[in-house]
Amino acid sequence: MLTFADLVRFDRRDVQQIMRGIDPTVLALALKGAPENVEQVIRANISERTKEILDAEVSSLGAVRMSQVEEARADVVRQIRELENEGIITVQRVEEEDALVL
């Protein structure tokens, strides 16, 4: 199952493609409480202008409901799926048995 945190598994070009279609307001919500490695991947793959907008959005957010964060993250995942369906990016799927650690 694909999640917002899976952004760290994509190559730079794919992350850049994904981020192009995401509104900075939605991205700011999605980043609320996100793991540091996810935030680093996102910030490394957006323009300086988008970073400025994102920083302004983040600073103006304040407290938000977890449901808003989850919806924003779901928007990012929908963007990933759309780009995959269009053949623009490739999602590397991990086989379930490969993912098990014994």
PDB file of N, CA and C in Angstrom:
ATOM      1  N   MET A   1       0.838  -1.176   0.000  1.00  0.00           N
ATOM      2  CA  MET A   1       0.000   0.000   0.000  1.00  0.00           C
ATOM      3  C   MET A   1       0.890   1.250   0.000  1.00  0.00           C
ATOM      4  N   LEU A   2       0.600   2.142  -0.857  1.00  0.00           N
ATOM      5  CA  LEU A   2       1.363   3.375  -1.016  1.00  0.00           C
ATOM      6  C   LEU A   2       0.931   4.401   0.031  1.00  0.00           C
ATOM      7  N   THR A   3       1.921   5.040   0.677  1.00  0.00           N
ATOM      8  CA  THR A   3       1.617   6.054   1.681  1.00  0.00           C
ATOM      9  C   THR A   3       2.429   7.317   1.407  1.00  0.00           C
ATOM     10  N   PHE A   4       2.077   8.370   2.098  1.00  0.00           N
ATOM     11  CA  PHE A   4       2.777   9.645   1.988  1.00  0.00           C
ATOM     12  C   PHE A   4       4.259   9.472   2.318  1.00  0.00           C
ATOM     13  N   ALA A   5       4.567   8.673   3.321  1.00  0.00           N
ATOM     14  CA  ALA A   5       5.958   8.454   3.746  1.00  0.00           C
ATOM     15  C   ALA A   5       6.790   7.752   2.681  1.00  0.00           C
ATOM     16  N   ASP A   6       6.136   7.112   1.712  1.00  0.00           N
ATOM     17  CA  ASP A   6       6.858   6.428   0.638  1.00  0.00           C
ATOM     18  C   ASP A   6       7.564   7.393  -0.312  1.00  0.00           C
ATOM     19  N   LEU A   7       7.325   8.681  -0.159  1.00  0.00           N
ATOM     20  CA  LEU A   7       8.019   9.668  -0.996  1.00  0.00           C
ATOM     21  C   LEU A   7       9.533   9.512  -0.928  1.00  0.00           C
ATOM     22  N   VAL A   8      10.034   9.027   0.187  1.00  0.00           N
ATOM     23  CA  VAL A   8      11.482   8.865   0.349  1.00  0.00           C
ATOM     24  C   VAL A   8      12.037   7.766  -0.547  1.00  0.00           C
ATOM     25  N   ARG A   9      11.184   6.908  -1.094  1.00  0.00           N
ATOM     26  CA  ARG A   9      11.631   5.804  -1.945  1.00  0.00           C
ATOM     27  C   ARG A   9      11.719   6.182  -3.419  1.00  0.00           C
ATOM     28  N   PHE A  10      11.233   7.355  -3.792  1.00  0.00           N
ATOM     29  CA  PHE A  10      11.235   7.770  -5.193  1.00  0.00           C
ATOM     30  C   PHE A  10      12.546   8.456  -5.547  1.00  0.00           C
ATOM     31  N   ASP A  11      12.909   8.394  -6.830  1.00  0.00           N
ATOM     32  CA  ASP A  11      14.095   9.145  -7.236  1.00  0.00           C
ATOM     33  C   ASP A  11      13.735  10.621  -7.361  1.00  0.00           C
ATOM     34  N   ARG A  12      14.764  11.448  -7.425  1.00  0.00           N
ATOM     35  CA  ARG A  12      14.587  12.912  -7.440  1.00  0.00           C
ATOM     36  C   ARG A  12      13.612  13.383  -8.506  1.00  0.00           C
ATOM     37  N   ARG A  13      13.771  12.885  -9.696  1.00  0.00           N
ATOM     38  CA  ARG A  13      12.921  13.344 -10.810  1.00  0.00           C
ATOM     39  C   ARG A  13      11.451  13.042 -10.551  1.00  0.00           C
ATOM     40  N   ASP A  14      11.185  11.856 -10.004  1.00  0.00           N
ATOM     41  CA  ASP A  14       9.802  11.502  -9.718  1.00  0.00           C
ATOM     42  C   ASP A  14       9.227  12.374  -8.599  1.00  0.00           C
ATOM     43  N   VAL A  15      10.017  12.636  -7.568  1.00  0.00           N
ATOM     44  CA  VAL A  15       9.542  13.506  -6.479  1.00  0.00           C
ATOM     45  C   VAL A  15       9.246  14.903  -7.035  1.00  0.00           C
ATOM     46  N   GLN A  16      10.103  15.391  -7.921  1.00  0.00           N
ATOM     47  CA  GLN A  16       9.882  16.704  -8.528  1.00  0.00           C
ATOM     48  C   GLN A  16       8.587  16.713  -9.333  1.00  0.00           C
ATOM     49  N   GLN A  17       8.335  15.651 -10.069  1.00  0.00           N
ATOM     50  CA  GLN A  17       7.078  15.545 -10.840  1.00  0.00           C
ATOM     51  C   GLN A  17       5.875  15.557  -9.907  1.00  0.00           C
ATOM     52  N   ILE A  18       5.973  14.808  -8.833  1.00  0.00           N
ATOM     53  CA  ILE A  18       4.867  14.731  -7.871  1.00  0.00           C
ATOM     54  C   ILE A  18       4.605  16.102  -7.258  1.00  0.00           C
ATOM     55  N   MET A  19       5.659  16.776  -6.840  1.00  0.00           N
ATOM     56  CA  MET A  19       5.520  18.063  -6.158  1.00  0.00           C
ATOM     57  C   MET A  19       4.963  19.153  -7.071  1.00  0.00           C
ATOM     58  N   ARG A  20       5.211  19.051  -8.366  1.00  0.00           N
ATOM     59  CA  ARG A  20       4.684  20.065  -9.303  1.00  0.00           C
ATOM     60  C   ARG A  20       3.170  20.153  -9.268  1.00  0.00           C
ATOM     61  N   GLY A  21       2.528  19.034  -8.967  1.00  0.00           N
ATOM     62  CA  GLY A  21       1.074  19.022  -8.995  1.00  0.00           C
ATOM     63  C   GLY A  21       0.414  19.264  -7.644  1.00  0.00           C
ATOM     64  N   ILE A  22       1.201  19.562  -6.622  1.00  0.00           N
ATOM     65  CA  ILE A  22       0.651  19.718  -5.280  1.00  0.00           C
ATOM     66  C   ILE A  22       0.629  21.192  -4.877  1.00  0.00           C
ATOM     67  N   ASP A  23      -0.527  21.652  -4.453  1.00  0.00           N
ATOM     68  CA  ASP A  23      -0.683  23.017  -3.970  1.00  0.00           C
ATOM     69  C   ASP A  23       0.123  23.179  -2.674  1.00  0.00           C
ATOM     70  N   PRO A  24       0.870  24.278  -2.519  1.00  0.00           N
ATOM     71  CA  PRO A  24       1.667  24.480  -1.298  1.00  0.00           C
ATOM     72  C   PRO A  24       0.842  24.442  -0.006  1.00  0.00           C
ATOM     73  N   THR A  25      -0.413  24.859  -0.065  1.00  0.00           N
ATOM     74  CA  THR A  25      -1.270  24.801   1.124  1.00  0.00           C
ATOM     75  C   THR A  25      -1.518  23.347   1.523  1.00  0.00           C
ATOM     76  N   VAL A  26      -1.787  22.510   0.540  1.00  0.00           N
ATOM     77  CA  VAL A  26      -1.998  21.080   0.789  1.00  0.00           C
ATOM     78  C   VAL A  26      -0.702  20.454   1.299  1.00  0.00           C
ATOM     79  N   LEU A  27       0.408  20.826   0.686  1.00  0.00           N
ATOM     80  CA  LEU A  27       1.702  20.288   1.092  1.00  0.00           C
ATOM     81  C   LEU A  27       2.046  20.681   2.528  1.00  0.00           C
ATOM     82  N   ALA A  28       1.745  21.908   2.891  1.00  0.00           N
ATOM     83  CA  ALA A  28       1.997  22.366   4.264  1.00  0.00           C
ATOM     84  C   ALA A  28       1.218  21.517   5.262  1.00  0.00           C
ATOM     85  N   LEU A  29      -0.033  21.237   4.961  1.00  0.00           N
ATOM     86  CA  LEU A  29      -0.838  20.378   5.833  1.00  0.00           C
ATOM     87  C   LEU A  29      -0.265  18.965   5.891  1.00  0.00           C
ATOM     88  N   ALA A  30       0.112  18.441   4.733  1.00  0.00           N
ATOM     89  CA  ALA A  30       0.633  17.072   4.669  1.00  0.00           C
ATOM     90  C   ALA A  30       1.927  16.929   5.468  1.00  0.00           C
ATOM     91  N   LEU A  31       2.720  17.982   5.518  1.00  0.00           N
ATOM     92  CA  LEU A  31       3.994  17.934   6.238  1.00  0.00           C
ATOM     93  C   LEU A  31       3.848  18.060   7.748  1.00  0.00           C
ATOM     94  N   LYS A  32       2.683  18.474   8.199  1.00  0.00           N
ATOM     95  CA  LYS A  32       2.456  18.653   9.642  1.00  0.00           C
ATOM     96  C   LYS A  32       2.690  17.316  10.356  1.00  0.00           C
ATOM     97  N   GLY A  33       3.726  17.252  11.178  1.00  0.00           N
ATOM     98  CA  GLY A  33       4.036  16.042  11.918  1.00  0.00           C
ATOM     99  C   GLY A  33       4.673  14.932  11.104  1.00  0.00           C
ATOM    100  N   ALA A  34       5.073  15.231   9.874  1.00  0.00           N
ATOM    101  CA  ALA A  34       5.692  14.214   9.017  1.00  0.00           C
ATOM    102  C   ALA A  34       7.101  13.888   9.505  1.00  0.00           C
ATOM    103  N   PRO A  35       7.568  12.679   9.233  1.00  0.00           N
ATOM    104  CA  PRO A  35       8.942  12.336   9.594  1.00  0.00           C
ATOM    105  C   PRO A  35       9.934  13.290   8.921  1.00  0.00           C
ATOM    106  N   GLU A  36      11.038  13.554   9.604  1.00  0.00           N
ATOM    107  CA  GLU A  36      12.025  14.506   9.097  1.00  0.00           C
ATOM    108  C   GLU A  36      12.574  14.102   7.733  1.00  0.00           C
ATOM    109  N   ASN A  37      12.771  12.795   7.503  1.00  0.00           N
ATOM    110  CA  ASN A  37      13.322  12.366   6.220  1.00  0.00           C
ATOM    111  C   ASN A  37      12.366  12.658   5.062  1.00  0.00           C
ATOM    112  N   VAL A  38      11.065  12.600   5.314  1.00  0.00           N
ATOM    113  CA  VAL A  38      10.074  12.918   4.275  1.00  0.00           C
ATOM    114  C   VAL A  38      10.133  14.417   3.963  1.00  0.00           C
ATOM    115  N   GLU A  39      10.183  15.224   5.001  1.00  0.00           N
ATOM    116  CA  GLU A  39      10.261  16.668   4.797  1.00  0.00           C
ATOM    117  C   GLU A  39      11.540  17.042   4.046  1.00  0.00           C
ATOM    118  N   GLN A  40      12.643  16.402   4.381  1.00  0.00           N
ATOM    119  CA  GLN A  40      13.912  16.692   3.705  1.00  0.00           C
ATOM    120  C   GLN A  40      13.840  16.356   2.223  1.00  0.00           C
ATOM    121  N   VAL A  41      13.245  15.214   1.889  1.00  0.00           N
ATOM    122  CA  VAL A  41      13.118  14.810   0.485  1.00  0.00           C
ATOM    123  C   VAL A  41      12.267  15.818  -0.273  1.00  0.00           C
ATOM    124  N   ILE A  42      11.176  16.241   0.325  1.00  0.00           N
ATOM    125  CA  ILE A  42      10.294  17.199  -0.335  1.00  0.00           C
ATOM    126  C   ILE A  42      11.012  18.530  -0.538  1.00  0.00           C
ATOM    127  N   ARG A  43      11.618  19.060   0.513  1.00  0.00           N
ATOM    128  CA  ARG A  43      12.288  20.357   0.417  1.00  0.00           C
ATOM    129  C   ARG A  43      13.469  20.329  -0.555  1.00  0.00           C
ATOM    130  N   ALA A  44      14.111  19.181  -0.695  1.00  0.00           N
ATOM    131  CA  ALA A  44      15.241  19.066  -1.620  1.00  0.00           C
ATOM    132  C   ALA A  44      14.793  19.040  -3.079  1.00  0.00           C
ATOM    133  N   ASN A  45      13.498  18.858  -3.292  1.00  0.00           N
ATOM    134  CA  ASN A  45      13.005  18.686  -4.656  1.00  0.00           C
ATOM    135  C   ASN A  45      11.952  19.704  -5.073  1.00  0.00           C
ATOM    136  N   ILE A  46      11.925  20.846  -4.387  1.00  0.00           N
ATOM    137  CA  ILE A  46      11.045  21.937  -4.799  1.00  0.00           C
ATOM    138  C   ILE A  46      11.889  23.185  -5.008  1.00  0.00           C
ATOM    139  N   SER A  47      11.357  24.104  -5.763  1.00  0.00           N
ATOM    140  CA  SER A  47      12.086  25.338  -6.061  1.00  0.00           C
ATOM    141  C   SER A  47      12.189  26.232  -4.825  1.00  0.00           C
ATOM    142  N   GLU A  48      13.107  27.167  -4.885  1.00  0.00           N
ATOM    143  CA  GLU A  48      13.269  28.117  -3.773  1.00  0.00           C
ATOM    144  C   GLU A  48      11.982  28.910  -3.553  1.00  0.00           C
ATOM    145  N   ARG A  49      11.350  29.305  -4.629  1.00  0.00           N
ATOM    146  CA  ARG A  49      10.086  30.058  -4.524  1.00  0.00           C
ATOM    147  C   ARG A  49       9.014  29.224  -3.831  1.00  0.00           C
ATOM    148  N   THR A  50       8.917  27.956  -4.214  1.00  0.00           N
ATOM    149  CA  THR A  50       7.930  27.078  -3.588  1.00  0.00           C
ATOM    150  C   THR A  50       8.262  26.871  -2.113  1.00  0.00           C
ATOM    151  N   LYS A  51       9.557  26.776  -1.773  1.00  0.00           N
ATOM    152  CA  LYS A  51       9.962  26.660  -0.362  1.00  0.00           C
ATOM    153  C   LYS A  51       9.498  27.878   0.425  1.00  0.00           C
ATOM    154  N   GLU A  52       9.644  29.067  -0.162  1.00  0.00           N
ATOM    155  CA  GLU A  52       9.208  30.291   0.516  1.00  0.00           C
ATOM    156  C   GLU A  52       7.703  30.264   0.764  1.00  0.00           C
ATOM    157  N   ILE A  53       6.966  29.866  -0.250  1.00  0.00           N
ATOM    158  CA  ILE A  53       5.509  29.778  -0.118  1.00  0.00           C
ATOM    159  C   ILE A  53       5.147  28.724   0.921  1.00  0.00           C
ATOM    160  N   LEU A  54       5.826  27.579   0.860  1.00  0.00           N
ATOM    161  CA  LEU A  54       5.574  26.502   1.808  1.00  0.00           C
ATOM    162  C   LEU A  54       5.860  26.958   3.234  1.00  0.00           C
ATOM    163  N   ASP A  55       6.979  27.647   3.434  1.00  0.00           N
ATOM    164  CA  ASP A  55       7.323  28.144   4.770  1.00  0.00           C
ATOM    165  C   ASP A  55       6.264  29.115   5.289  1.00  0.00           C
ATOM    166  N   ALA A  56       5.770  29.989   4.422  1.00  0.00           N
ATOM    167  CA  ALA A  56       4.723  30.929   4.817  1.00  0.00           C
ATOM    168  C   ALA A  56       3.441  30.183   5.198  1.00  0.00           C
ATOM    169  N   GLU A  57       3.103  29.157   4.425  1.00  0.00           N
ATOM    170  CA  GLU A  57       1.907  28.355   4.724  1.00  0.00           C
ATOM    171  C   GLU A  57       2.058  27.626   6.049  1.00  0.00           C
ATOM    172  N   VAL A  58       3.225  27.018   6.263  1.00  0.00           N
ATOM    173  CA  VAL A  58       3.469  26.274   7.491  1.00  0.00           C
ATOM    174  C   VAL A  58       3.382  27.196   8.701  1.00  0.00           C
ATOM    175  N   SER A  59       3.978  28.374   8.601  1.00  0.00           N
ATOM    176  CA  SER A  59       3.973  29.296   9.741  1.00  0.00           C
ATOM    177  C   SER A  59       2.583  29.852  10.038  1.00  0.00           C
ATOM    178  N   SER A  60       1.711  29.870   9.053  1.00  0.00           N
ATOM    179  CA  SER A  60       0.368  30.400   9.282  1.00  0.00           C
ATOM    180  C   SER A  60      -0.637  29.321   9.692  1.00  0.00           C
ATOM    181  N   LEU A  61      -0.231  28.065   9.667  1.00  0.00           N
ATOM    182  CA  LEU A  61      -1.171  26.982   9.948  1.00  0.00           C
ATOM    183  C   LEU A  61      -1.670  26.939  11.386  1.00  0.00           C
ATOM    184  N   GLY A  62      -0.770  26.922  12.333  1.00  0.00           N
ATOM    185  CA  GLY A  62      -1.199  26.726  13.714  1.00  0.00           C
ATOM    186  C   GLY A  62      -1.656  25.296  13.918  1.00  0.00           C
ATOM    187  N   ALA A  63      -2.540  25.083  14.867  1.00  0.00           N
ATOM    188  CA  ALA A  63      -3.050  23.740  15.144  1.00  0.00           C
ATOM    189  C   ALA A  63      -4.075  23.344  14.084  1.00  0.00           C
ATOM    190  N   VAL A  64      -3.969  22.099  13.642  1.00  0.00           N
ATOM    191  CA  VAL A  64      -4.923  21.576  12.655  1.00  0.00           C
ATOM    192  C   VAL A  64      -5.394  20.201  13.106  1.00  0.00           C
ATOM    193  N   ARG A  65      -6.533  19.818  12.595  1.00  0.00           N
ATOM    194  CA  ARG A  65      -7.075  18.495  12.917  1.00  0.00           C
ATOM    195  C   ARG A  65      -6.283  17.424  12.155  1.00  0.00           C
ATOM    196  N   MET A  66      -6.117  16.282  12.792  1.00  0.00           N
ATOM    197  CA  MET A  66      -5.408  15.173  12.151  1.00  0.00           C
ATOM    198  C   MET A  66      -6.120  14.757  10.870  1.00  0.00           C
ATOM    199  N   SER A  67      -7.430  14.884  10.830  1.00  0.00           N
ATOM    200  CA  SER A  67      -8.178  14.514   9.628  1.00  0.00           C
ATOM    201  C   SER A  67      -7.782  15.404   8.442  1.00  0.00           C
ATOM    202  N   GLN A  68      -7.449  16.676   8.717  1.00  0.00           N
ATOM    203  CA  GLN A  68      -6.995  17.576   7.649  1.00  0.00           C
ATOM    204  C   GLN A  68      -5.635  17.137   7.127  1.00  0.00           C
ATOM    205  N   VAL A  69      -4.764  16.740   8.040  1.00  0.00           N
ATOM    206  CA  VAL A  69      -3.434  16.257   7.657  1.00  0.00           C
ATOM    207  C   VAL A  69      -3.564  14.992   6.816  1.00  0.00           C
ATOM    208  N   GLU A  70      -4.395  14.063   7.274  1.00  0.00           N
ATOM    209  CA  GLU A  70      -4.597  12.806   6.547  1.00  0.00           C
ATOM    210  C   GLU A  70      -5.176  13.048   5.165  1.00  0.00           C
ATOM    211  N   GLU A  71      -6.104  13.984   5.033  1.00  0.00           N
ATOM    212  CA  GLU A  71      -6.689  14.300   3.732  1.00  0.00           C
ATOM    213  C   GLU A  71      -5.635  14.906   2.800  1.00  0.00           C
ATOM    214  N   ALA A  72      -4.796  15.783   3.324  1.00  0.00           N
ATOM    215  CA  ALA A  72      -3.729  16.379   2.514  1.00  0.00           C
ATOM    216  C   ALA A  72      -2.746  15.306   2.050  1.00  0.00           C
ATOM    217  N   ARG A  73      -2.404  14.391   2.942  1.00  0.00           N
ATOM    218  CA  ARG A  73      -1.500  13.298   2.562  1.00  0.00           C
ATOM    219  C   ARG A  73      -2.155  12.393   1.527  1.00  0.00           C
ATOM    220  N   ALA A  74      -3.454  12.179   1.657  1.00  0.00           N
ATOM    221  CA  ALA A  74      -4.187  11.380   0.671  1.00  0.00           C
ATOM    222  C   ALA A  74      -4.170  12.073  -0.697  1.00  0.00           C
ATOM    223  N   ASP A  75      -4.231  13.408  -0.707  1.00  0.00           N
ATOM    224  CA  ASP A  75      -4.133  14.158  -1.966  1.00  0.00           C
ATOM    225  C   ASP A  75      -2.791  13.910  -2.645  1.00  0.00           C
ATOM    226  N   VAL A  76      -1.728  13.874  -1.855  1.00  0.00           N
ATOM    227  CA  VAL A  76      -0.394  13.609  -2.408  1.00  0.00           C
ATOM    228  C   VAL A  76      -0.345  12.193  -2.988  1.00  0.00           C
ATOM    229  N   VAL A  77      -0.893  11.236  -2.266  1.00  0.00           N
ATOM    230  CA  VAL A  77      -0.910   9.854  -2.745  1.00  0.00           C
ATOM    231  C   VAL A  77      -1.737   9.745  -4.028  1.00  0.00           C
ATOM    232  N   ARG A  78      -2.853  10.475  -4.100  1.00  0.00           N
ATOM    233  CA  ARG A  78      -3.667  10.470  -5.329  1.00  0.00           C
ATOM    234  C   ARG A  78      -2.859  11.023  -6.501  1.00  0.00           C
ATOM    235  N   GLN A  79      -2.083  12.066  -6.251  1.00  0.00           N
ATOM    236  CA  GLN A  79      -1.227  12.642  -7.287  1.00  0.00           C
ATOM    237  C   GLN A  79      -0.215  11.599  -7.777  1.00  0.00           C
ATOM    238  N   ILE A  80       0.369  10.873  -6.843  1.00  0.00           N
ATOM    239  CA  ILE A  80       1.333   9.827  -7.205  1.00  0.00           C
ATOM    240  C   ILE A  80       0.657   8.785  -8.088  1.00  0.00           C
ATOM    241  N   ARG A  81      -0.518   8.347  -7.687  1.00  0.00           N
ATOM    242  CA  ARG A  81      -1.238   7.322  -8.466  1.00  0.00           C
ATOM    243  C   ARG A  81      -1.615   7.828  -9.856  1.00  0.00           C
ATOM    244  N   GLU A  82      -2.033   9.076  -9.946  1.00  0.00           N
ATOM    245  CA  GLU A  82      -2.370   9.654 -11.256  1.00  0.00           C
ATOM    246  C   GLU A  82      -1.149   9.676 -12.172  1.00  0.00           C
ATOM    247  N   LEU A  83      -0.022  10.111 -11.633  1.00  0.00           N
ATOM    248  CA  LEU A  83       1.205  10.164 -12.429  1.00  0.00           C
ATOM    249  C   LEU A  83       1.663   8.764 -12.831  1.00  0.00           C
ATOM    250  N   GLU A  84       1.461   7.811 -11.950  1.00  0.00           N
ATOM    251  CA  GLU A  84       1.807   6.428 -12.289  1.00  0.00           C
ATOM    252  C   GLU A  84       0.894   5.914 -13.399  1.00  0.00           C
ATOM    253  N   ASN A  85      -0.407   6.171 -13.288  1.00  0.00           N
ATOM    254  CA  ASN A  85      -1.362   5.726 -14.310  1.00  0.00           C
ATOM    255  C   ASN A  85      -1.075   6.347 -15.671  1.00  0.00           C
ATOM    256  N   GLU A  86      -0.567   7.584 -15.665  1.00  0.00           N
ATOM    257  CA  GLU A  86      -0.221   8.274 -16.914  1.00  0.00           C
ATOM    258  C   GLU A  86       1.139   7.850 -17.449  1.00  0.00           C
ATOM    259  N   GLY A  87       1.866   7.031 -16.683  1.00  0.00           N
ATOM    260  CA  GLY A  87       3.174   6.561 -17.110  1.00  0.00           C
ATOM    261  C   GLY A  87       4.287   7.582 -16.931  1.00  0.00           C
ATOM    262  N   ILE A  88       4.029   8.634 -16.162  1.00  0.00           N
ATOM    263  CA  ILE A  88       5.010   9.699 -15.963  1.00  0.00           C
ATOM    264  C   ILE A  88       6.048   9.294 -14.918  1.00  0.00           C
ATOM    265  N   ILE A  89       5.602   8.560 -13.889  1.00  0.00           N
ATOM    266  CA  ILE A  89       6.532   8.059 -12.869  1.00  0.00           C
ATOM    267  C   ILE A  89       6.305   6.559 -12.724  1.00  0.00           C
ATOM    268  N   THR A  90       7.266   5.899 -12.094  1.00  0.00           N
ATOM    269  CA  THR A  90       7.149   4.470 -11.830  1.00  0.00           C
ATOM    270  C   THR A  90       7.218   4.255 -10.330  1.00  0.00           C
ATOM    271  N   VAL A  91       6.224   3.562  -9.815  1.00  0.00           N
ATOM    272  CA  VAL A  91       6.189   3.247  -8.394  1.00  0.00           C
ATOM    273  C   VAL A  91       6.844   1.880  -8.215  1.00  0.00           C
ATOM    274  N   GLN A  92       7.891   1.851  -7.404  1.00  0.00           N
ATOM    275  CA  GLN A  92       8.571   0.589  -7.098  1.00  0.00           C
ATOM    276  C   GLN A  92       7.801  -0.098  -5.989  1.00  0.00           C
ATOM    277  N   ARG A  93       7.216  -1.211  -6.306  1.00  0.00           N
ATOM    278  CA  ARG A  93       6.430  -1.943  -5.312  1.00  0.00           C
ATOM    279  C   ARG A  93       7.338  -2.936  -4.588  1.00  0.00           C
ATOM    280  N   VAL A  94       7.166  -3.017  -3.279  1.00  0.00           N
ATOM    281  CA  VAL A  94       7.907  -3.985  -2.479  1.00  0.00           C
ATOM    282  C   VAL A  94       7.008  -5.199  -2.306  1.00  0.00           C
ATOM    283  N   GLU A  95       7.526  -6.351  -2.687  1.00  0.00           N
ATOM    284  CA  GLU A  95       6.749  -7.579  -2.507  1.00  0.00           C
ATOM    285  C   GLU A  95       6.567  -7.831  -1.014  1.00  0.00           C
ATOM    286  N   GLU A  96       5.397  -8.317  -0.649  1.00  0.00           N
ATOM    287  CA  GLU A  96       5.092  -8.520   0.775  1.00  0.00           C
ATOM    288  C   GLU A  96       6.120  -9.427   1.439  1.00  0.00           C
ATOM    289  N   GLU A  97       6.476 -10.531   0.777  1.00  0.00           N
ATOM    290  CA  GLU A  97       7.402 -11.441   1.423  1.00  0.00           C
ATOM    291  C   GLU A  97       8.798 -10.858   1.518  1.00  0.00           C
ATOM    292  N   ASP A  98       9.158  -9.942   0.586  1.00  0.00           N
ATOM    293  CA  ASP A  98      10.447  -9.257   0.654  1.00  0.00           C
ATOM    294  C   ASP A  98      10.470  -8.249   1.782  1.00  0.00           C
ATOM    295  N   ALA A  99       9.318  -7.759   2.178  1.00  0.00           N
ATOM    296  CA  ALA A  99       9.230  -6.737   3.194  1.00  0.00           C
ATOM    297  C   ALA A  99       9.291  -7.302   4.619  1.00  0.00           C
ATOM    298  N   LEU A 100       9.141  -8.622   4.748  1.00  0.00           N
ATOM    299  CA  LEU A 100       9.143  -9.233   6.069  1.00  0.00           C
ATOM    300  C   LEU A 100      10.553  -9.340   6.616  1.00  0.00           C
ATOM    301  N   VAL A 101      10.703  -9.015   7.868  1.00  0.00           N
ATOM    302  CA  VAL A 101      11.979  -9.153   8.548  1.00  0.00           C
ATOM    303  C   VAL A 101      11.775 -10.147   9.675  1.00  0.00           C
ATOM    304  N   LEU A 102      12.545 -11.202   9.642  1.00  0.00           N
ATOM    305  CA  LEU A 102      12.386 -12.250  10.666  1.00  0.00           C
ATOM    306  C   LEU A 102      13.487 -12.180  11.682  1.00  0.00           C
TER     307      LEU A 102
END
